[in-house]
Amino acid sequence: MFETVRRLWRHRWLDEHDTRRAIDPALVERLTRRVRASELRHSGEVRLYIEASLPTSYLLRTGSMHEIVRQRALAMFSKLRVWDTEDNNGVLIYLLLAEHAIELVADRGLNRHVSPEQWHAMVQRMGAAFVAGDFETGLTQALEEVSTLLVQHFAAAPDEPHGNQLPDAPVLR
């Protein structure tokens, strides 16, 4: 019970203004350009979703915070239609500020090439930058590592134009 109250307090304390302080407009623009440049090299789609806190409905769920954060990332993967790409190779990079939590959700096209251990190791490498509050380094590192995997398995054909299927700008909540 005490943990639930503490969790509710922590998440109600932060809001979208905190997200916009952590990810200022200049950083949004740099991240948008990095996503755009990444997507020129492969056929995948990458979305960044950064939110300060979880909705109350998630905070009242039972289970570990890791499981709850994963559920939220999966919900955003679906809501943002990252799963709806031509080659089933969309990736969501999800950051939850209140928990300093990171989740990577990849569609089945890429997931069949990357083991859960590889995804976990990637999240662990990004975690240090996020805990230190260096969101730009952490998000840039995440984007670079995801891009490397997408280029390895879904490199863009030089003679075939790649249409942008999803927006490049990060979603801030």
N, C-alpha and C. Protein backbone atom coordinates (compact mmCIF):
# COMPACT_ATOMS: atom_id res chain seq x y z
N MET A 1 0.83 -1.19 0.00
CA MET A 1 0.00 0.00 0.00
C MET A 1 0.87 1.26 0.00
N PHE A 2 1.87 1.25 0.88
CA PHE A 2 2.76 2.42 0.97
C PHE A 2 3.47 2.67 -0.35
N GLU A 3 3.90 1.59 -1.01
CA GLU A 3 4.59 1.72 -2.30
C GLU A 3 3.67 2.33 -3.35
N THR A 4 2.39 1.94 -3.34
CA THR A 4 1.43 2.49 -4.29
C THR A 4 1.24 3.99 -4.07
N VAL A 5 1.12 4.40 -2.82
CA VAL A 5 0.97 5.82 -2.50
C VAL A 5 2.21 6.59 -2.92
N ARG A 6 3.37 6.05 -2.62
CA ARG A 6 4.63 6.70 -3.01
C ARG A 6 4.73 6.82 -4.54
N ARG A 7 4.36 5.77 -5.21
CA ARG A 7 4.38 5.76 -6.68
C ARG A 7 3.42 6.82 -7.22
N LEU A 8 2.20 6.88 -6.67
CA LEU A 8 1.22 7.88 -7.11
C LEU A 8 1.76 9.29 -6.90
N TRP A 9 2.34 9.55 -5.76
CA TRP A 9 2.88 10.88 -5.45
C TRP A 9 3.98 11.26 -6.44
N ARG A 10 4.90 10.37 -6.67
CA ARG A 10 6.02 10.65 -7.58
C ARG A 10 5.51 10.98 -8.99
N HIS A 11 4.53 10.24 -9.45
CA HIS A 11 4.03 10.44 -10.80
C HIS A 11 3.09 11.64 -10.91
N ARG A 12 2.39 11.96 -9.87
CA ARG A 12 1.51 13.14 -9.92
C ARG A 12 2.32 14.43 -9.78
N TRP A 13 3.53 14.32 -9.27
CA TRP A 13 4.40 15.48 -9.08
C TRP A 13 4.93 15.97 -10.43
N LEU A 14 5.15 15.09 -11.38
CA LEU A 14 5.71 15.43 -12.69
C LEU A 14 4.60 15.52 -13.74
N ASP A 15 4.77 16.43 -14.69
CA ASP A 15 3.80 16.54 -15.77
C ASP A 15 4.51 16.91 -17.07
N GLU A 16 3.74 17.24 -18.09
CA GLU A 16 4.30 17.52 -19.41
C GLU A 16 5.29 18.68 -19.39
N HIS A 17 5.10 19.63 -18.47
CA HIS A 17 6.06 20.75 -18.36
C HIS A 17 7.46 20.24 -18.00
N ASP A 18 7.50 19.21 -17.16
CA ASP A 18 8.79 18.63 -16.80
C ASP A 18 9.44 17.95 -18.00
N THR A 19 8.62 17.30 -18.82
CA THR A 19 9.15 16.68 -20.04
C THR A 19 9.74 17.75 -20.95
N ARG A 20 9.03 18.86 -21.10
CA ARG A 20 9.49 19.92 -22.00
C ARG A 20 10.71 20.66 -21.44
N ARG A 21 10.90 20.64 -20.12
CA ARG A 21 12.13 21.19 -19.55
C ARG A 21 13.31 20.25 -19.81
N ALA A 22 13.06 18.96 -19.71
CA ALA A 22 14.12 17.98 -19.94
C ALA A 22 14.49 17.88 -21.42
N ILE A 23 13.49 18.01 -22.28
CA ILE A 23 13.66 17.88 -23.73
C ILE A 23 13.22 19.21 -24.34
N ASP A 24 14.11 20.18 -24.38
CA ASP A 24 13.75 21.51 -24.85
C ASP A 24 13.57 21.53 -26.37
N PRO A 25 13.00 22.60 -26.93
CA PRO A 25 12.73 22.65 -28.38
C PRO A 25 13.96 22.43 -29.25
N ALA A 26 15.11 22.93 -28.83
CA ALA A 26 16.32 22.71 -29.63
C ALA A 26 16.68 21.23 -29.67
N LEU A 27 16.53 20.54 -28.54
CA LEU A 27 16.81 19.10 -28.51
C LEU A 27 15.77 18.34 -29.34
N VAL A 28 14.52 18.75 -29.29
CA VAL A 28 13.49 18.12 -30.12
C VAL A 28 13.90 18.21 -31.59
N GLU A 29 14.36 19.38 -32.01
CA GLU A 29 14.76 19.57 -33.41
C GLU A 29 15.96 18.69 -33.76
N ARG A 30 16.96 18.62 -32.86
CA ARG A 30 18.14 17.77 -33.14
C ARG A 30 17.73 16.30 -33.22
N LEU A 31 16.86 15.87 -32.32
CA LEU A 31 16.41 14.47 -32.35
C LEU A 31 15.61 14.17 -33.62
N THR A 32 14.77 15.12 -34.02
CA THR A 32 14.00 14.94 -35.25
C THR A 32 14.93 14.77 -36.45
N ARG A 33 15.96 15.60 -36.52
CA ARG A 33 16.93 15.48 -37.63
C ARG A 33 17.66 14.15 -37.57
N ARG A 34 17.99 13.69 -36.37
CA ARG A 34 18.70 12.40 -36.24
C ARG A 34 17.82 11.24 -36.67
N VAL A 35 16.55 11.28 -36.31
CA VAL A 35 15.62 10.23 -36.75
C VAL A 35 15.51 10.25 -38.27
N ARG A 36 15.34 11.44 -38.83
CA ARG A 36 15.21 11.57 -40.29
C ARG A 36 16.46 11.02 -40.99
N ALA A 37 17.64 11.39 -40.50
CA ALA A 37 18.89 10.92 -41.10
C ALA A 37 19.02 9.40 -40.96
N SER A 38 18.62 8.88 -39.81
CA SER A 38 18.67 7.44 -39.59
C SER A 38 17.80 6.71 -40.60
N GLU A 39 16.60 7.21 -40.81
CA GLU A 39 15.64 6.52 -41.66
C GLU A 39 16.00 6.57 -43.14
N LEU A 40 16.94 7.42 -43.51
CA LEU A 40 17.43 7.42 -44.89
C LEU A 40 18.34 6.21 -45.16
N ARG A 41 18.83 5.59 -44.09
CA ARG A 41 19.79 4.50 -44.22
C ARG A 41 19.14 3.11 -44.18
N HIS A 42 17.86 3.04 -43.84
CA HIS A 42 17.18 1.75 -43.71
C HIS A 42 15.70 1.92 -44.01
N SER A 43 14.99 0.82 -44.10
CA SER A 43 13.56 0.89 -44.40
C SER A 43 12.69 0.93 -43.15
N GLY A 44 13.30 0.93 -41.98
CA GLY A 44 12.55 0.95 -40.73
C GLY A 44 12.03 2.33 -40.37
N GLU A 45 11.21 2.37 -39.34
CA GLU A 45 10.69 3.61 -38.79
C GLU A 45 11.00 3.62 -37.30
N VAL A 46 11.47 4.77 -36.82
CA VAL A 46 11.82 4.91 -35.41
C VAL A 46 10.99 6.03 -34.82
N ARG A 47 10.38 5.77 -33.66
CA ARG A 47 9.65 6.79 -32.94
C ARG A 47 10.25 6.95 -31.56
N LEU A 48 10.31 8.17 -31.07
CA LEU A 48 10.74 8.48 -29.71
C LEU A 48 9.52 8.96 -28.94
N TYR A 49 9.30 8.40 -27.77
CA TYR A 49 8.17 8.80 -26.93
C TYR A 49 8.71 9.05 -25.54
N ILE A 50 8.59 10.29 -25.07
CA ILE A 50 9.12 10.67 -23.76
C ILE A 50 7.98 11.24 -22.94
N GLU A 51 7.75 10.67 -21.78
CA GLU A 51 6.72 11.21 -20.91
C GLU A 51 7.22 11.31 -19.48
N ALA A 52 6.67 12.31 -18.78
CA ALA A 52 7.11 12.58 -17.42
C ALA A 52 6.62 11.52 -16.46
N SER A 53 5.34 11.14 -16.59
CA SER A 53 4.75 10.23 -15.61
C SER A 53 3.68 9.37 -16.28
N LEU A 54 3.30 8.33 -15.58
CA LEU A 54 2.28 7.43 -16.08
C LEU A 54 0.89 7.91 -15.71
N PRO A 55 -0.09 7.60 -16.54
CA PRO A 55 -1.48 7.88 -16.16
C PRO A 55 -1.84 7.07 -14.90
N THR A 56 -2.78 7.59 -14.15
CA THR A 56 -3.19 6.95 -12.89
C THR A 56 -3.62 5.50 -13.11
N SER A 57 -4.28 5.22 -14.22
CA SER A 57 -4.74 3.85 -14.47
C SER A 57 -3.59 2.86 -14.49
N TYR A 58 -2.41 3.28 -14.92
CA TYR A 58 -1.24 2.40 -14.91
C TYR A 58 -0.66 2.29 -13.50
N LEU A 59 -0.72 3.37 -12.76
CA LEU A 59 -0.15 3.38 -11.42
C LEU A 59 -0.90 2.49 -10.45
N LEU A 60 -2.16 2.23 -10.73
CA LEU A 60 -2.98 1.40 -9.85
C LEU A 60 -2.92 -0.07 -10.22
N ARG A 61 -2.19 -0.41 -11.25
CA ARG A 61 -2.06 -1.81 -11.66
C ARG A 61 -1.15 -2.56 -10.69
N THR A 62 -1.38 -3.85 -10.62
CA THR A 62 -0.50 -4.68 -9.82
C THR A 62 0.66 -5.15 -10.68
N GLY A 63 1.72 -5.52 -10.05
CA GLY A 63 2.90 -5.98 -10.76
C GLY A 63 4.08 -5.06 -10.49
N SER A 64 5.21 -5.47 -10.97
CA SER A 64 6.41 -4.66 -10.77
C SER A 64 6.36 -3.42 -11.65
N MET A 65 7.09 -2.40 -11.26
CA MET A 65 7.14 -1.18 -12.07
C MET A 65 7.69 -1.49 -13.46
N HIS A 66 8.65 -2.40 -13.55
CA HIS A 66 9.18 -2.78 -14.86
C HIS A 66 8.07 -3.31 -15.76
N GLU A 67 7.22 -4.19 -15.22
CA GLU A 67 6.12 -4.75 -16.01
C GLU A 67 5.13 -3.66 -16.43
N ILE A 68 4.85 -2.73 -15.53
CA ILE A 68 3.89 -1.66 -15.81
C ILE A 68 4.45 -0.72 -16.88
N VAL A 69 5.72 -0.39 -16.77
CA VAL A 69 6.35 0.47 -17.78
C VAL A 69 6.35 -0.24 -19.13
N ARG A 70 6.62 -1.51 -19.14
CA ARG A 70 6.60 -2.28 -20.39
C ARG A 70 5.20 -2.26 -21.01
N GLN A 71 4.17 -2.43 -20.18
CA GLN A 71 2.79 -2.38 -20.68
C GLN A 71 2.50 -1.02 -21.32
N ARG A 72 2.97 0.06 -20.68
CA ARG A 72 2.74 1.39 -21.23
C ARG A 72 3.48 1.56 -22.56
N ALA A 73 4.71 1.10 -22.63
CA ALA A 73 5.48 1.20 -23.88
C ALA A 73 4.78 0.42 -24.99
N LEU A 74 4.29 -0.75 -24.69
CA LEU A 74 3.57 -1.54 -25.69
C LEU A 74 2.29 -0.82 -26.14
N ALA A 75 1.60 -0.19 -25.20
CA ALA A 75 0.39 0.56 -25.55
C ALA A 75 0.73 1.73 -26.47
N MET A 76 1.83 2.43 -26.19
CA MET A 76 2.22 3.56 -27.04
C MET A 76 2.70 3.08 -28.41
N PHE A 77 3.37 1.94 -28.44
CA PHE A 77 3.78 1.32 -29.71
C PHE A 77 2.55 1.13 -30.59
N SER A 78 1.48 0.65 -29.99
CA SER A 78 0.25 0.42 -30.73
C SER A 78 -0.44 1.74 -31.09
N LYS A 79 -0.59 2.61 -30.13
CA LYS A 79 -1.30 3.88 -30.35
C LYS A 79 -0.63 4.72 -31.43
N LEU A 80 0.69 4.75 -31.44
CA LEU A 80 1.44 5.52 -32.44
C LEU A 80 1.55 4.77 -33.77
N ARG A 81 1.01 3.57 -33.82
CA ARG A 81 1.00 2.73 -35.03
C ARG A 81 2.41 2.39 -35.53
N VAL A 82 3.33 2.21 -34.59
CA VAL A 82 4.69 1.85 -34.97
C VAL A 82 4.70 0.45 -35.59
N TRP A 83 3.74 -0.35 -35.23
CA TRP A 83 3.60 -1.71 -35.77
C TRP A 83 3.13 -1.71 -37.22
N ASP A 84 2.64 -0.59 -37.71
CA ASP A 84 1.96 -0.54 -39.00
C ASP A 84 2.91 -0.05 -40.11
N THR A 85 4.08 -0.67 -40.21
CA THR A 85 5.02 -0.29 -41.27
C THR A 85 5.10 -1.41 -42.30
N GLU A 86 5.50 -1.06 -43.48
CA GLU A 86 5.48 -2.00 -44.60
C GLU A 86 6.28 -3.28 -44.32
N ASP A 87 7.46 -3.13 -43.73
CA ASP A 87 8.32 -4.29 -43.47
C ASP A 87 8.23 -4.79 -42.03
N ASN A 88 7.25 -4.31 -41.28
CA ASN A 88 7.10 -4.70 -39.86
C ASN A 88 8.41 -4.50 -39.10
N ASN A 89 9.06 -3.34 -39.33
CA ASN A 89 10.35 -3.09 -38.69
C ASN A 89 10.39 -1.73 -37.99
N GLY A 90 9.27 -1.35 -37.40
CA GLY A 90 9.24 -0.13 -36.60
C GLY A 90 9.80 -0.37 -35.21
N VAL A 91 10.34 0.69 -34.62
CA VAL A 91 10.90 0.59 -33.27
C VAL A 91 10.46 1.82 -32.48
N LEU A 92 10.00 1.59 -31.26
CA LEU A 92 9.68 2.67 -30.33
C LEU A 92 10.74 2.72 -29.26
N ILE A 93 11.32 3.91 -29.07
CA ILE A 93 12.23 4.16 -27.95
C ILE A 93 11.42 4.96 -26.95
N TYR A 94 11.13 4.35 -25.80
CA TYR A 94 10.23 4.92 -24.79
C TYR A 94 11.04 5.30 -23.56
N LEU A 95 10.84 6.53 -23.08
CA LEU A 95 11.53 7.01 -21.89
C LEU A 95 10.50 7.56 -20.92
N LEU A 96 10.52 7.08 -19.68
CA LEU A 96 9.63 7.54 -18.62
C LEU A 96 10.48 8.24 -17.56
N LEU A 97 10.34 9.55 -17.49
CA LEU A 97 11.19 10.36 -16.61
C LEU A 97 11.02 10.02 -15.13
N ALA A 98 9.78 9.83 -14.67
CA ALA A 98 9.53 9.60 -13.24
C ALA A 98 10.26 8.37 -12.71
N GLU A 99 10.45 7.39 -13.55
CA GLU A 99 11.09 6.14 -13.14
C GLU A 99 12.50 5.98 -13.71
N HIS A 100 12.94 6.95 -14.50
CA HIS A 100 14.21 6.81 -15.23
C HIS A 100 14.21 5.46 -15.95
N ALA A 101 13.08 5.15 -16.57
CA ALA A 101 12.90 3.85 -17.21
C ALA A 101 12.97 4.00 -18.72
N ILE A 102 13.54 3.02 -19.36
CA ILE A 102 13.68 2.97 -20.80
C ILE A 102 13.09 1.65 -21.27
N GLU A 103 12.38 1.71 -22.37
CA GLU A 103 11.89 0.50 -23.01
C GLU A 103 12.12 0.64 -24.51
N LEU A 104 12.50 -0.44 -25.12
CA LEU A 104 12.60 -0.52 -26.57
C LEU A 104 11.59 -1.56 -27.02
N VAL A 105 10.70 -1.14 -27.93
CA VAL A 105 9.70 -2.07 -28.45
C VAL A 105 9.90 -2.12 -29.96
N ALA A 106 10.18 -3.30 -30.46
CA ALA A 106 10.42 -3.47 -31.90
C ALA A 106 9.35 -4.39 -32.49
N ASP A 107 8.99 -4.11 -33.71
CA ASP A 107 8.02 -4.93 -34.42
C ASP A 107 8.66 -6.28 -34.78
N ARG A 108 7.83 -7.20 -35.17
CA ARG A 108 8.27 -8.58 -35.41
C ARG A 108 9.32 -8.72 -36.50
N GLY A 109 9.32 -7.84 -37.48
CA GLY A 109 10.32 -7.94 -38.55
C GLY A 109 11.74 -7.80 -38.02
N LEU A 110 11.94 -6.86 -37.11
CA LEU A 110 13.27 -6.68 -36.52
C LEU A 110 13.49 -7.64 -35.36
N ASN A 111 12.45 -7.89 -34.59
CA ASN A 111 12.60 -8.77 -33.42
C ASN A 111 13.06 -10.17 -33.78
N ARG A 112 12.75 -10.62 -34.98
CA ARG A 112 13.19 -11.97 -35.34
C ARG A 112 14.71 -12.03 -35.53
N HIS A 113 15.38 -10.87 -35.64
CA HIS A 113 16.82 -10.81 -35.83
C HIS A 113 17.59 -10.44 -34.57
N VAL A 114 16.89 -9.94 -33.55
CA VAL A 114 17.54 -9.42 -32.35
C VAL A 114 17.01 -10.17 -31.13
N SER A 115 17.92 -10.71 -30.35
CA SER A 115 17.51 -11.49 -29.18
C SER A 115 17.09 -10.57 -28.03
N PRO A 116 16.29 -11.09 -27.10
CA PRO A 116 15.92 -10.29 -25.93
C PRO A 116 17.15 -9.84 -25.14
N GLU A 117 18.19 -10.66 -25.14
CA GLU A 117 19.42 -10.29 -24.43
C GLU A 117 20.09 -9.08 -25.08
N GLN A 118 20.06 -9.01 -26.41
CA GLN A 118 20.63 -7.85 -27.10
C GLN A 118 19.84 -6.58 -26.76
N TRP A 119 18.50 -6.67 -26.75
CA TRP A 119 17.68 -5.51 -26.40
C TRP A 119 17.99 -5.08 -24.96
N HIS A 120 18.07 -6.05 -24.06
CA HIS A 120 18.33 -5.75 -22.65
C HIS A 120 19.69 -5.07 -22.48
N ALA A 121 20.70 -5.58 -23.16
CA ALA A 121 22.04 -4.96 -23.06
C ALA A 121 22.02 -3.53 -23.59
N MET A 122 21.27 -3.30 -24.64
CA MET A 122 21.16 -1.95 -25.21
C MET A 122 20.52 -1.00 -24.19
N VAL A 123 19.46 -1.45 -23.55
CA VAL A 123 18.78 -0.62 -22.53
C VAL A 123 19.73 -0.33 -21.38
N GLN A 124 20.49 -1.31 -20.96
CA GLN A 124 21.44 -1.11 -19.86
C GLN A 124 22.48 -0.05 -20.20
N ARG A 125 22.97 -0.05 -21.42
CA ARG A 125 23.97 0.94 -21.83
C ARG A 125 23.39 2.35 -21.83
N MET A 126 22.13 2.48 -22.20
CA MET A 126 21.51 3.81 -22.24
C MET A 126 21.15 4.32 -20.86
N GLY A 127 20.90 3.42 -19.95
CA GLY A 127 20.41 3.77 -18.63
C GLY A 127 21.28 4.75 -17.87
N ALA A 128 22.58 4.61 -17.96
CA ALA A 128 23.48 5.49 -17.20
C ALA A 128 23.30 6.94 -17.60
N ALA A 129 23.17 7.22 -18.87
CA ALA A 129 22.99 8.61 -19.33
C ALA A 129 21.66 9.16 -18.83
N PHE A 130 20.59 8.36 -18.86
CA PHE A 130 19.29 8.83 -18.42
C PHE A 130 19.27 9.11 -16.92
N VAL A 131 19.86 8.22 -16.13
CA VAL A 131 19.91 8.41 -14.68
C VAL A 131 20.67 9.69 -14.35
N ALA A 132 21.70 10.00 -15.14
CA ALA A 132 22.48 11.22 -14.91
C ALA A 132 21.77 12.46 -15.44
N GLY A 133 20.61 12.28 -16.05
CA GLY A 133 19.87 13.42 -16.58
C GLY A 133 20.35 13.89 -17.94
N ASP A 134 21.23 13.12 -18.57
CA ASP A 134 21.75 13.48 -19.89
C ASP A 134 20.89 12.80 -20.95
N PHE A 135 19.72 13.37 -21.16
CA PHE A 135 18.74 12.76 -22.05
C PHE A 135 19.20 12.77 -23.50
N GLU A 136 19.90 13.82 -23.91
CA GLU A 136 20.34 13.88 -25.30
C GLU A 136 21.32 12.76 -25.61
N THR A 137 22.29 12.54 -24.74
CA THR A 137 23.24 11.46 -24.97
C THR A 137 22.55 10.10 -24.98
N GLY A 138 21.67 9.88 -24.01
CA GLY A 138 20.97 8.60 -23.94
C GLY A 138 20.07 8.34 -25.13
N LEU A 139 19.31 9.36 -25.54
CA LEU A 139 18.43 9.17 -26.69
C LEU A 139 19.21 9.05 -27.99
N THR A 140 20.30 9.80 -28.11
CA THR A 140 21.14 9.70 -29.31
C THR A 140 21.78 8.32 -29.38
N GLN A 141 22.27 7.84 -28.26
CA GLN A 141 22.86 6.51 -28.22
C GLN A 141 21.82 5.45 -28.58
N ALA A 142 20.61 5.59 -28.04
CA ALA A 142 19.54 4.64 -28.36
C ALA A 142 19.24 4.65 -29.85
N LEU A 143 19.12 5.83 -30.40
CA LEU A 143 18.83 5.96 -31.83
C LEU A 143 19.94 5.36 -32.67
N GLU A 144 21.19 5.61 -32.30
CA GLU A 144 22.32 5.06 -33.06
C GLU A 144 22.35 3.54 -33.01
N GLU A 145 22.10 2.97 -31.84
CA GLU A 145 22.13 1.51 -31.72
C GLU A 145 20.97 0.86 -32.47
N VAL A 146 19.79 1.45 -32.37
CA VAL A 146 18.63 0.93 -33.10
C VAL A 146 18.88 1.07 -34.60
N SER A 147 19.42 2.20 -35.02
CA SER A 147 19.72 2.43 -36.44
C SER A 147 20.71 1.41 -36.97
N THR A 148 21.72 1.09 -36.19
CA THR A 148 22.72 0.10 -36.59
C THR A 148 22.04 -1.24 -36.86
N LEU A 149 21.14 -1.63 -35.97
CA LEU A 149 20.42 -2.90 -36.18
C LEU A 149 19.54 -2.84 -37.43
N LEU A 150 18.86 -1.72 -37.62
CA LEU A 150 17.99 -1.60 -38.79
C LEU A 150 18.80 -1.59 -40.08
N VAL A 151 19.95 -0.93 -40.10
CA VAL A 151 20.80 -0.93 -41.30
C VAL A 151 21.33 -2.34 -41.55
N GLN A 152 21.70 -3.03 -40.49
CA GLN A 152 22.23 -4.38 -40.63
C GLN A 152 21.20 -5.32 -41.26
N HIS A 153 19.93 -5.19 -40.87
CA HIS A 153 18.92 -6.13 -41.32
C HIS A 153 17.95 -5.60 -42.38
N PHE A 154 17.88 -4.26 -42.50
CA PHE A 154 16.92 -3.65 -43.44
C PHE A 154 17.54 -2.43 -44.12
N ALA A 155 18.73 -2.60 -44.65
CA ALA A 155 19.42 -1.47 -45.30
C ALA A 155 18.58 -0.94 -46.45
N ALA A 156 18.60 0.37 -46.61
CA ALA A 156 17.88 1.01 -47.71
C ALA A 156 18.57 0.69 -49.02
N ALA A 157 17.78 0.34 -50.01
CA ALA A 157 18.33 0.10 -51.35
C ALA A 157 18.64 1.46 -51.97
N PRO A 158 19.85 1.64 -52.52
CA PRO A 158 20.24 2.95 -53.03
C PRO A 158 19.37 3.45 -54.18
N ASP A 159 18.80 2.54 -54.96
CA ASP A 159 18.01 2.96 -56.11
C ASP A 159 16.51 3.00 -55.83
N GLU A 160 16.13 2.73 -54.59
CA GLU A 160 14.73 2.69 -54.24
C GLU A 160 14.41 3.77 -53.21
N PRO A 161 13.54 4.72 -53.55
CA PRO A 161 13.21 5.76 -52.57
C PRO A 161 12.43 5.17 -51.39
N HIS A 162 12.73 5.70 -50.23
CA HIS A 162 12.08 5.23 -49.00
C HIS A 162 11.12 6.31 -48.52
N GLY A 163 9.85 5.99 -48.53
CA GLY A 163 8.86 6.95 -48.05
C GLY A 163 8.81 6.95 -46.53
N ASN A 164 8.63 8.10 -45.96
CA ASN A 164 8.53 8.22 -44.52
C ASN A 164 7.12 7.84 -44.10
N GLN A 165 6.99 6.76 -43.36
CA GLN A 165 5.68 6.23 -43.00
C GLN A 165 5.13 6.80 -41.69
N LEU A 166 6.02 7.29 -40.82
CA LEU A 166 5.62 7.83 -39.52
C LEU A 166 6.35 9.14 -39.27
N PRO A 167 5.78 10.01 -38.43
CA PRO A 167 6.46 11.28 -38.13
C PRO A 167 7.82 11.04 -37.48
N ASP A 168 8.75 11.96 -37.71
CA ASP A 168 10.10 11.84 -37.16
C ASP A 168 10.26 12.53 -35.80
N ALA A 169 9.42 13.48 -35.50
CA ALA A 169 9.55 14.26 -34.27
C ALA A 169 9.21 13.41 -33.04
N PRO A 170 9.95 13.60 -31.97
CA PRO A 170 9.62 12.90 -30.72
C PRO A 170 8.25 13.33 -30.20
N VAL A 171 7.58 12.42 -29.52
CA VAL A 171 6.33 12.74 -28.84
C VAL A 171 6.67 13.04 -27.39
N LEU A 172 6.25 14.21 -26.91
CA LEU A 172 6.51 14.60 -25.53
C LEU A 172 5.19 14.67 -24.76
N ARG A 173 5.13 14.00 -23.65
CA ARG A 173 3.93 14.04 -22.80
C ARG A 173 4.32 14.24 -21.37
